Amino acid sequence: MNFQFDLIEDKVEFFEAQDLKTLEKKINEQIEHNKAILLSVHSVTHQMHIEENGQRFFSAVVHFKQKK
């Protein structure tokens, strides 16, 4: 039996939340998880949308890359 392991080089993850504090918590938790597979944050993009009822909605895209 032959096993071959390939390292993940790039990973893009999407996050959403009703408030900024929750969004930040979700991203920080995933950063810790991705450290275990040797990925670090390459870039972060975020947006806020206000619905017709005035409620805010936050989203973010985080690009992780392999540590070199």
PDB file of N, CA and C in Angstrom:
ATOM      1  N   MET A   1       0.843  -1.182   0.000  1.00  0.00           N
ATOM      2  CA  MET A   1       0.000   0.000   0.000  1.00  0.00           C
ATOM      3  C   MET A   1       0.886   1.242   0.000  1.00  0.00           C
ATOM      4  N   ASN A   2       0.616   2.150  -0.896  1.00  0.00           N
ATOM      5  CA  ASN A   2       1.430   3.342  -1.038  1.00  0.00           C
ATOM      6  C   ASN A   2       0.604   4.568  -0.649  1.00  0.00           C
ATOM      7  N   PHE A   3       1.088   5.327   0.330  1.00  0.00           N
ATOM      8  CA  PHE A   3       0.417   6.547   0.761  1.00  0.00           C
ATOM      9  C   PHE A   3       1.175   7.751   0.236  1.00  0.00           C
ATOM     10  N   GLN A   4       0.415   8.716  -0.246  1.00  0.00           N
ATOM     11  CA  GLN A   4       1.031   9.956  -0.710  1.00  0.00           C
ATOM     12  C   GLN A   4       0.282  11.121  -0.083  1.00  0.00           C
ATOM     13  N   PHE A   5       1.003  12.011   0.557  1.00  0.00           N
ATOM     14  CA  PHE A   5       0.398  13.165   1.195  1.00  0.00           C
ATOM     15  C   PHE A   5       0.780  14.424   0.440  1.00  0.00           C
ATOM     16  N   ASP A   6      -0.210  15.218   0.090  1.00  0.00           N
ATOM     17  CA  ASP A   6       0.022  16.501  -0.557  1.00  0.00           C
ATOM     18  C   ASP A   6      -0.411  17.607   0.403  1.00  0.00           C
ATOM     19  N   LEU A   7       0.423  18.602   0.539  1.00  0.00           N
ATOM     20  CA  LEU A   7       0.084  19.726   1.391  1.00  0.00           C
ATOM     21  C   LEU A   7      -0.854  20.684   0.655  1.00  0.00           C
ATOM     22  N   ILE A   8      -1.772  21.245   1.392  1.00  0.00           N
ATOM     23  CA  ILE A   8      -2.650  22.270   0.834  1.00  0.00           C
ATOM     24  C   ILE A   8      -1.841  23.556   0.713  1.00  0.00           C
ATOM     25  N   GLU A   9      -1.818  24.143  -0.461  1.00  0.00           N
ATOM     26  CA  GLU A   9      -1.045  25.366  -0.673  1.00  0.00           C
ATOM     27  C   GLU A   9      -1.901  26.623  -0.560  1.00  0.00           C
ATOM     28  N   ASP A  10      -3.131  26.551  -1.032  1.00  0.00           N
ATOM     29  CA  ASP A  10      -4.062  27.687  -0.989  1.00  0.00           C
ATOM     30  C   ASP A  10      -5.416  27.207  -0.505  1.00  0.00           C
ATOM     31  N   LYS A  11      -6.073  28.080   0.244  1.00  0.00           N
ATOM     32  CA  LYS A  11      -7.413  27.759   0.739  1.00  0.00           C
ATOM     33  C   LYS A  11      -8.165  29.075   0.912  1.00  0.00           C
ATOM     34  N   VAL A  12      -9.366  29.144   0.390  1.00  0.00           N
ATOM     35  CA  VAL A  12     -10.201  30.338   0.526  1.00  0.00           C
ATOM     36  C   VAL A  12     -11.445  29.949   1.319  1.00  0.00           C
ATOM     37  N   GLU A  13     -11.740  30.727   2.361  1.00  0.00           N
ATOM     38  CA  GLU A  13     -12.892  30.433   3.203  1.00  0.00           C
ATOM     39  C   GLU A  13     -13.780  31.672   3.311  1.00  0.00           C
ATOM     40  N   PHE A  14     -15.077  31.421   3.434  1.00  0.00           N
ATOM     41  CA  PHE A  14     -16.083  32.476   3.497  1.00  0.00           C
ATOM     42  C   PHE A  14     -16.756  32.453   4.865  1.00  0.00           C
ATOM     43  N   PHE A  15     -17.002  33.632   5.417  1.00  0.00           N
ATOM     44  CA  PHE A  15     -17.608  33.760   6.739  1.00  0.00           C
ATOM     45  C   PHE A  15     -18.728  34.794   6.675  1.00  0.00           C
ATOM     46  N   GLU A  16     -19.735  34.609   7.540  1.00  0.00           N
ATOM     47  CA  GLU A  16     -20.813  35.593   7.637  1.00  0.00           C
ATOM     48  C   GLU A  16     -21.346  35.616   9.059  1.00  0.00           C
ATOM     49  N   ALA A  17     -21.863  36.778   9.464  1.00  0.00           N
ATOM     50  CA  ALA A  17     -22.395  36.938  10.813  1.00  0.00           C
ATOM     51  C   ALA A  17     -23.286  38.172  10.872  1.00  0.00           C
ATOM     52  N   GLN A  18     -24.073  38.241  11.923  1.00  0.00           N
ATOM     53  CA  GLN A  18     -24.969  39.374  12.120  1.00  0.00           C
ATOM     54  C   GLN A  18     -24.275  40.563  12.786  1.00  0.00           C
ATOM     55  N   ASP A  19     -23.109  40.311  13.413  1.00  0.00           N
ATOM     56  CA  ASP A  19     -22.363  41.424  14.010  1.00  0.00           C
ATOM     57  C   ASP A  19     -20.865  41.205  13.808  1.00  0.00           C
ATOM     58  N   LEU A  20     -20.127  42.276  13.910  1.00  0.00           N
ATOM     59  CA  LEU A  20     -18.696  42.258  13.624  1.00  0.00           C
ATOM     60  C   LEU A  20     -17.921  41.408  14.629  1.00  0.00           C
ATOM     61  N   LYS A  21     -18.329  41.446  15.884  1.00  0.00           N
ATOM     62  CA  LYS A  21     -17.640  40.677  16.926  1.00  0.00           C
ATOM     63  C   LYS A  21     -17.725  39.173  16.648  1.00  0.00           C
ATOM     64  N   THR A  22     -18.887  38.693  16.237  1.00  0.00           N
ATOM     65  CA  THR A  22     -19.071  37.275  15.917  1.00  0.00           C
ATOM     66  C   THR A  22     -18.262  36.898  14.680  1.00  0.00           C
ATOM     67  N   LEU A  23     -18.248  37.760  13.685  1.00  0.00           N
ATOM     68  CA  LEU A  23     -17.474  37.503  12.478  1.00  0.00           C
ATOM     69  C   LEU A  23     -15.989  37.377  12.810  1.00  0.00           C
ATOM     70  N   GLU A  24     -15.492  38.281  13.620  1.00  0.00           N
ATOM     71  CA  GLU A  24     -14.085  38.241  14.020  1.00  0.00           C
ATOM     72  C   GLU A  24     -13.773  36.957  14.790  1.00  0.00           C
ATOM     73  N   LYS A  25     -14.670  36.538  15.661  1.00  0.00           N
ATOM     74  CA  LYS A  25     -14.470  35.313  16.435  1.00  0.00           C
ATOM     75  C   LYS A  25     -14.388  34.095  15.515  1.00  0.00           C
ATOM     76  N   LYS A  26     -15.282  34.009  14.524  1.00  0.00           N
ATOM     77  CA  LYS A  26     -15.284  32.897  13.576  1.00  0.00           C
ATOM     78  C   LYS A  26     -13.972  32.842  12.792  1.00  0.00           C
ATOM     79  N   ILE A  27     -13.512  33.997  12.343  1.00  0.00           N
ATOM     80  CA  ILE A  27     -12.269  34.051  11.568  1.00  0.00           C
ATOM     81  C   ILE A  27     -11.082  33.647  12.438  1.00  0.00           C
ATOM     82  N   ASN A  28     -11.007  34.147  13.658  1.00  0.00           N
ATOM     83  CA  ASN A  28      -9.894  33.815  14.549  1.00  0.00           C
ATOM     84  C   ASN A  28      -9.853  32.327  14.880  1.00  0.00           C
ATOM     85  N   GLU A  29     -11.017  31.707  15.055  1.00  0.00           N
ATOM     86  CA  GLU A  29     -11.057  30.273  15.319  1.00  0.00           C
ATOM     87  C   GLU A  29     -10.511  29.485  14.132  1.00  0.00           C
ATOM     88  N   GLN A  30     -10.870  29.913  12.925  1.00  0.00           N
ATOM     89  CA  GLN A  30     -10.403  29.196  11.736  1.00  0.00           C
ATOM     90  C   GLN A  30      -8.908  29.431  11.494  1.00  0.00           C
ATOM     91  N   ILE A  31      -8.421  30.591  11.851  1.00  0.00           N
ATOM     92  CA  ILE A  31      -6.982  30.848  11.741  1.00  0.00           C
ATOM     93  C   ILE A  31      -6.218  29.848  12.604  1.00  0.00           C
ATOM     94  N   GLU A  32      -6.695  29.606  13.815  1.00  0.00           N
ATOM     95  CA  GLU A  32      -6.043  28.644  14.702  1.00  0.00           C
ATOM     96  C   GLU A  32      -6.088  27.234  14.124  1.00  0.00           C
ATOM     97  N   HIS A  33      -7.221  26.840  13.548  1.00  0.00           N
ATOM     98  CA  HIS A  33      -7.339  25.516  12.935  1.00  0.00           C
ATOM     99  C   HIS A  33      -6.385  25.367  11.753  1.00  0.00           C
ATOM    100  N   ASN A  34      -6.279  26.403  10.947  1.00  0.00           N
ATOM    101  CA  ASN A  34      -5.435  26.331   9.757  1.00  0.00           C
ATOM    102  C   ASN A  34      -3.943  26.371  10.074  1.00  0.00           C
ATOM    103  N   LYS A  35      -3.583  26.882  11.246  1.00  0.00           N
ATOM    104  CA  LYS A  35      -2.182  26.838  11.656  1.00  0.00           C
ATOM    105  C   LYS A  35      -1.713  25.391  11.772  1.00  0.00           C
ATOM    106  N   ALA A  36      -2.623  24.500  12.161  1.00  0.00           N
ATOM    107  CA  ALA A  36      -2.277  23.085  12.324  1.00  0.00           C
ATOM    108  C   ALA A  36      -1.909  22.430  10.989  1.00  0.00           C
ATOM    109  N   ILE A  37      -2.429  22.954   9.894  1.00  0.00           N
ATOM    110  CA  ILE A  37      -2.090  22.408   8.573  1.00  0.00           C
ATOM    111  C   ILE A  37      -1.150  23.353   7.816  1.00  0.00           C
ATOM    112  N   LEU A  38      -0.438  24.170   8.599  1.00  0.00           N
ATOM    113  CA  LEU A  38       0.634  25.041   8.095  1.00  0.00           C
ATOM    114  C   LEU A  38       0.163  26.092   7.098  1.00  0.00           C
ATOM    115  N   LEU A  39      -1.024  26.640   7.323  1.00  0.00           N
ATOM    116  CA  LEU A  39      -1.523  27.735   6.489  1.00  0.00           C
ATOM    117  C   LEU A  39      -1.567  29.017   7.310  1.00  0.00           C
ATOM    118  N   SER A  40      -1.239  30.125   6.682  1.00  0.00           N
ATOM    119  CA  SER A  40      -1.331  31.424   7.333  1.00  0.00           C
ATOM    120  C   SER A  40      -2.189  32.347   6.470  1.00  0.00           C
ATOM    121  N   VAL A  41      -2.642  33.433   7.052  1.00  0.00           N
ATOM    122  CA  VAL A  41      -3.508  34.376   6.355  1.00  0.00           C
ATOM    123  C   VAL A  41      -2.695  35.148   5.314  1.00  0.00           C
ATOM    124  N   HIS A  42      -3.187  35.130   4.092  1.00  0.00           N
ATOM    125  CA  HIS A  42      -2.564  35.894   3.006  1.00  0.00           C
ATOM    126  C   HIS A  42      -3.302  37.216   2.802  1.00  0.00           C
ATOM    127  N   SER A  43      -4.642  37.156   2.808  1.00  0.00           N
ATOM    128  CA  SER A  43      -5.423  38.384   2.654  1.00  0.00           C
ATOM    129  C   SER A  43      -6.831  38.191   3.229  1.00  0.00           C
ATOM    130  N   VAL A  44      -7.445  39.311   3.571  1.00  0.00           N
ATOM    131  CA  VAL A  44      -8.816  39.323   4.107  1.00  0.00           C
ATOM    132  C   VAL A  44      -9.587  40.419   3.385  1.00  0.00           C
ATOM    133  N   THR A  45     -10.783  40.076   2.932  1.00  0.00           N
ATOM    134  CA  THR A  45     -11.690  41.046   2.330  1.00  0.00           C
ATOM    135  C   THR A  45     -13.008  40.972   3.083  1.00  0.00           C
ATOM    136  N   HIS A  46     -13.586  42.119   3.402  1.00  0.00           N
ATOM    137  CA  HIS A  46     -14.843  42.092   4.158  1.00  0.00           C
ATOM    138  C   HIS A  46     -15.818  43.120   3.600  1.00  0.00           C
ATOM    139  N   GLN A  47     -17.095  42.865   3.890  1.00  0.00           N
ATOM    140  CA  GLN A  47     -18.159  43.770   3.450  1.00  0.00           C
ATOM    141  C   GLN A  47     -19.244  43.840   4.512  1.00  0.00           C
ATOM    142  N   MET A  48     -20.001  44.936   4.481  1.00  0.00           N
ATOM    143  CA  MET A  48     -21.166  45.078   5.333  1.00  0.00           C
ATOM    144  C   MET A  48     -22.350  45.456   4.444  1.00  0.00           C
ATOM    145  N   HIS A  49     -23.469  44.834   4.709  1.00  0.00           N
ATOM    146  CA  HIS A  49     -24.689  45.102   3.951  1.00  0.00           C
ATOM    147  C   HIS A  49     -25.772  45.484   4.944  1.00  0.00           C
ATOM    148  N   ILE A  50     -26.529  46.525   4.631  1.00  0.00           N
ATOM    149  CA  ILE A  50     -27.649  46.929   5.476  1.00  0.00           C
ATOM    150  C   ILE A  50     -28.937  46.569   4.755  1.00  0.00           C
ATOM    151  N   GLU A  51     -29.749  45.737   5.414  1.00  0.00           N
ATOM    152  CA  GLU A  51     -31.007  45.300   4.823  1.00  0.00           C
ATOM    153  C   GLU A  51     -32.047  46.405   4.938  1.00  0.00           C
ATOM    154  N   GLU A  52     -33.180  46.224   4.273  1.00  0.00           N
ATOM    155  CA  GLU A  52     -34.238  47.242   4.265  1.00  0.00           C
ATOM    156  C   GLU A  52     -34.749  47.568   5.662  1.00  0.00           C
ATOM    157  N   ASN A  53     -34.722  46.580   6.556  1.00  0.00           N
ATOM    158  CA  ASN A  53     -35.201  46.808   7.920  1.00  0.00           C
ATOM    159  C   ASN A  53     -34.132  47.444   8.813  1.00  0.00           C
ATOM    160  N   GLY A  54     -32.973  47.765   8.260  1.00  0.00           N
ATOM    161  CA  GLY A  54     -31.910  48.418   9.004  1.00  0.00           C
ATOM    162  C   GLY A  54     -30.930  47.459   9.661  1.00  0.00           C
ATOM    163  N   GLN A  55     -31.171  46.162   9.540  1.00  0.00           N
ATOM    164  CA  GLN A  55     -30.281  45.180  10.146  1.00  0.00           C
ATOM    165  C   GLN A  55     -28.998  45.054   9.334  1.00  0.00           C
ATOM    166  N   ARG A  56     -27.878  44.988  10.029  1.00  0.00           N
ATOM    167  CA  ARG A  56     -26.575  44.867   9.369  1.00  0.00           C
ATOM    168  C   ARG A  56     -26.211  43.403   9.183  1.00  0.00           C
ATOM    169  N   PHE A  57     -25.486  43.135   8.112  1.00  0.00           N
ATOM    170  CA  PHE A  57     -25.020  41.790   7.790  1.00  0.00           C
ATOM    171  C   PHE A  57     -23.567  41.895   7.360  1.00  0.00           C
ATOM    172  N   PHE A  58     -22.685  41.151   8.026  1.00  0.00           N
ATOM    173  CA  PHE A  58     -21.255  41.217   7.762  1.00  0.00           C
ATOM    174  C   PHE A  58     -20.784  39.931   7.092  1.00  0.00           C
ATOM    175  N   SER A  59     -19.879  40.064   6.132  1.00  0.00           N
ATOM    176  CA  SER A  59     -19.289  38.888   5.483  1.00  0.00           C
ATOM    177  C   SER A  59     -17.807  39.144   5.240  1.00  0.00           C
ATOM    178  N   ALA A  60     -17.057  38.041   5.120  1.00  0.00           N
ATOM    179  CA  ALA A  60     -15.627  38.158   4.879  1.00  0.00           C
ATOM    180  C   ALA A  60     -15.138  36.963   4.078  1.00  0.00           C
ATOM    181  N   VAL A  61     -14.093  37.201   3.305  1.00  0.00           N
ATOM    182  CA  VAL A  61     -13.398  36.150   2.570  1.00  0.00           C
ATOM    183  C   VAL A  61     -11.955  36.192   3.048  1.00  0.00           C
ATOM    184  N   VAL A  62     -11.460  35.033   3.495  1.00  0.00           N
ATOM    185  CA  VAL A  62     -10.085  34.944   3.976  1.00  0.00           C
ATOM    186  C   VAL A  62      -9.326  33.972   3.084  1.00  0.00           C
ATOM    187  N   HIS A  63      -8.195  34.448   2.544  1.00  0.00           N
ATOM    188  CA  HIS A  63      -7.339  33.622   1.693  1.00  0.00           C
ATOM    189  C   HIS A  63      -6.158  33.154   2.543  1.00  0.00           C
ATOM    190  N   PHE A  64      -6.043  31.850   2.700  1.00  0.00           N
ATOM    191  CA  PHE A  64      -4.936  31.251   3.437  1.00  0.00           C
ATOM    192  C   PHE A  64      -3.929  30.698   2.439  1.00  0.00           C
ATOM    193  N   LYS A  65      -2.645  30.815   2.774  1.00  0.00           N
ATOM    194  CA  LYS A  65      -1.577  30.271   1.927  1.00  0.00           C
ATOM    195  C   LYS A  65      -0.601  29.479   2.805  1.00  0.00           C
ATOM    196  N   GLN A  66       0.073  28.564   2.145  1.00  0.00           N
ATOM    197  CA  GLN A  66       1.062  27.740   2.843  1.00  0.00           C
ATOM    198  C   GLN A  66       2.202  28.590   3.352  1.00  0.00           C
ATOM    199  N   LYS A  67       2.627  28.326   4.587  1.00  0.00           N
ATOM    200  CA  LYS A  67       3.778  29.038   5.153  1.00  0.00           C
ATOM    201  C   LYS A  67       5.039  28.590   4.454  1.00  0.00           C
ATOM    202  N   LYS A  68       5.906  29.548   4.180  1.00  0.00           N
ATOM    203  CA  LYS A  68       7.173  29.204   3.509  1.00  0.00           C
ATOM    204  C   LYS A  68       8.341  29.605   4.338  1.00  0.00           C
TER     205      LYS A  68
END
